[in-house]
């Protein structure tokens, strides 16, 4: 599974929030730390992901919506 940064961005936009607003709710003084995470420059920590989910109105039980389920296809052995 990989974190779906597009989903995080989409949730922020759907809630009508700016990067600056989310950053402030996360406890950061500027939007830069949040923008770096949303753009994949800095990894989002587990605690940060939980806080983002709460900011967007989800519970920690809903965290699965923020992940892509990349399951590689099974390779078939040549006969």
C-alpha atoms as a PDB file:
ATOM      1  CA  UNK A   1       0.000   0.000   0.000  1.00  0.00           C
ATOM      2  CA  UNK A   2       1.139   3.512  -0.693  1.00  0.00           C
ATOM      3  CA  UNK A   3      -0.118   6.789   0.689  1.00  0.00           C
ATOM      4  CA  UNK A   4      -2.351   8.519  -1.865  1.00  0.00           C
ATOM      5  CA  UNK A   5      -1.258  12.156  -1.816  1.00  0.00           C
ATOM      6  CA  UNK A   6      -3.859  13.022  -4.454  1.00  0.00           C
ATOM      7  CA  UNK A   7      -6.577  11.800  -2.087  1.00  0.00           C
ATOM      8  CA  UNK A   8      -5.186  13.966   0.704  1.00  0.00           C
ATOM      9  CA  UNK A   9      -5.182  16.989  -1.613  1.00  0.00           C
ATOM     10  CA  UNK A  10      -8.705  16.147  -2.819  1.00  0.00           C
ATOM     11  CA  UNK A  11     -10.007  15.866   0.745  1.00  0.00           C
ATOM     12  CA  UNK A  12      -8.489  19.239   1.641  1.00  0.00           C
ATOM     13  CA  UNK A  13     -10.071  20.881  -1.407  1.00  0.00           C
ATOM     14  CA  UNK A  14     -13.417  19.128  -0.825  1.00  0.00           C
ATOM     15  CA  UNK A  15     -13.477  20.561   2.697  1.00  0.00           C
ATOM     16  CA  UNK A  16     -12.808  24.033   1.253  1.00  0.00           C
ATOM     17  CA  UNK A  17      -9.526  24.399   3.104  1.00  0.00           C
ATOM     18  CA  UNK A  18      -6.280  25.992   1.979  1.00  0.00           C
ATOM     19  CA  UNK A  19      -2.854  24.514   2.679  1.00  0.00           C
ATOM     20  CA  UNK A  20      -2.329  27.373   5.130  1.00  0.00           C
ATOM     21  CA  UNK A  21      -5.494  26.492   7.079  1.00  0.00           C
ATOM     22  CA  UNK A  22      -4.530  22.825   7.322  1.00  0.00           C
ATOM     23  CA  UNK A  23      -0.997  23.742   8.383  1.00  0.00           C
ATOM     24  CA  UNK A  24      -2.323  25.961  11.178  1.00  0.00           C
ATOM     25  CA  UNK A  25      -4.636  23.162  12.384  1.00  0.00           C
ATOM     26  CA  UNK A  26      -1.616  20.833  12.374  1.00  0.00           C
ATOM     27  CA  UNK A  27       0.176  23.306  14.650  1.00  0.00           C
ATOM     28  CA  UNK A  28       2.625  24.673  12.099  1.00  0.00           C
ATOM     29  CA  UNK A  29       3.255  28.422  11.786  1.00  0.00           C
ATOM     30  CA  UNK A  30       3.457  28.430   7.991  1.00  0.00           C
ATOM     31  CA  UNK A  31       2.012  26.333   5.169  1.00  0.00           C
ATOM     32  CA  UNK A  32       5.455  25.108   4.048  1.00  0.00           C
ATOM     33  CA  UNK A  33       5.621  21.956   6.234  1.00  0.00           C
ATOM     34  CA  UNK A  34       2.160  20.897   5.064  1.00  0.00           C
ATOM     35  CA  UNK A  35       2.807  21.761   1.403  1.00  0.00           C
ATOM     36  CA  UNK A  36       6.003  19.673   1.437  1.00  0.00           C
ATOM     37  CA  UNK A  37       4.040  16.692   2.721  1.00  0.00           C
ATOM     38  CA  UNK A  38       1.107  17.100   0.348  1.00  0.00           C
ATOM     39  CA  UNK A  39       3.546  17.342  -2.572  1.00  0.00           C
ATOM     40  CA  UNK A  40       5.546  14.279  -1.506  1.00  0.00           C
ATOM     41  CA  UNK A  41       8.763  16.131  -0.685  1.00  0.00           C
ATOM     42  CA  UNK A  42       8.573  15.084   2.982  1.00  0.00           C
ATOM     43  CA  UNK A  43       6.996  11.828   4.146  1.00  0.00           C
ATOM     44  CA  UNK A  44       3.818  12.060   6.209  1.00  0.00           C
ATOM     45  CA  UNK A  45       4.279  10.407   9.591  1.00  0.00           C
ATOM     46  CA  UNK A  46       1.652   8.107  11.110  1.00  0.00           C
ATOM     47  CA  UNK A  47       0.663  10.645  13.778  1.00  0.00           C
ATOM     48  CA  UNK A  48       0.441  13.370  11.133  1.00  0.00           C
ATOM     49  CA  UNK A  49      -1.823  11.189   8.987  1.00  0.00           C
ATOM     50  CA  UNK A  50      -4.135  10.600  11.943  1.00  0.00           C
ATOM     51  CA  UNK A  51      -4.268  14.354  12.609  1.00  0.00           C
ATOM     52  CA  UNK A  52      -5.020  15.066   8.943  1.00  0.00           C
ATOM     53  CA  UNK A  53      -7.826  12.500   8.961  1.00  0.00           C
ATOM     54  CA  UNK A  54      -9.333  14.166  12.032  1.00  0.00           C
ATOM     55  CA  UNK A  55      -9.010  17.620  10.453  1.00  0.00           C
ATOM     56  CA  UNK A  56     -10.839  16.312   7.378  1.00  0.00           C
ATOM     57  CA  UNK A  57     -13.599  14.822   9.535  1.00  0.00           C
ATOM     58  CA  UNK A  58     -12.559  11.186   9.571  1.00  0.00           C
ATOM     59  CA  UNK A  59     -11.582   8.862  12.409  1.00  0.00           C
ATOM     60  CA  UNK A  60      -8.416   6.833  12.685  1.00  0.00           C
ATOM     61  CA  UNK A  61     -10.504   3.825  11.641  1.00  0.00           C
ATOM     62  CA  UNK A  62     -11.035   5.529   8.251  1.00  0.00           C
ATOM     63  CA  UNK A  63      -7.315   5.856   7.423  1.00  0.00           C
ATOM     64  CA  UNK A  64      -7.541   3.214   4.698  1.00  0.00           C
ATOM     65  CA  UNK A  65      -9.143   5.734   2.329  1.00  0.00           C
ATOM     66  CA  UNK A  66      -5.813   7.554   2.156  1.00  0.00           C
ATOM     67  CA  UNK A  67      -3.950   4.563   0.704  1.00  0.00           C
ATOM     68  CA  UNK A  68      -3.690   2.965  -2.716  1.00  0.00           C
ATOM     69  CA  UNK A  69      -3.865  -0.796  -2.545  1.00  0.00           C
ATOM     70  CA  UNK A  70      -1.127  -1.668  -5.011  1.00  0.00           C
ATOM     71  CA  UNK A  71      -1.193  -5.421  -5.299  1.00  0.00           C
ATOM     72  CA  UNK A  72       1.240  -6.703  -7.906  1.00  0.00           C
ATOM     73  CA  UNK A  73      -0.186  -9.178 -10.348  1.00  0.00           C
ATOM     74  CA  UNK A  74       1.117 -12.694  -9.995  1.00  0.00           C
ATOM     75  CA  UNK A  75       3.588 -13.567 -12.687  1.00  0.00           C
ATOM     76  CA  UNK A  76       2.834 -16.817 -14.394  1.00  0.00           C
ATOM     77  CA  UNK A  77       5.739 -19.160 -14.821  1.00  0.00           C
ATOM     78  CA  UNK A  78       6.568 -20.012 -18.420  1.00  0.00           C
ATOM     79  CA  UNK A  79       5.524 -23.521 -19.392  1.00  0.00           C
END
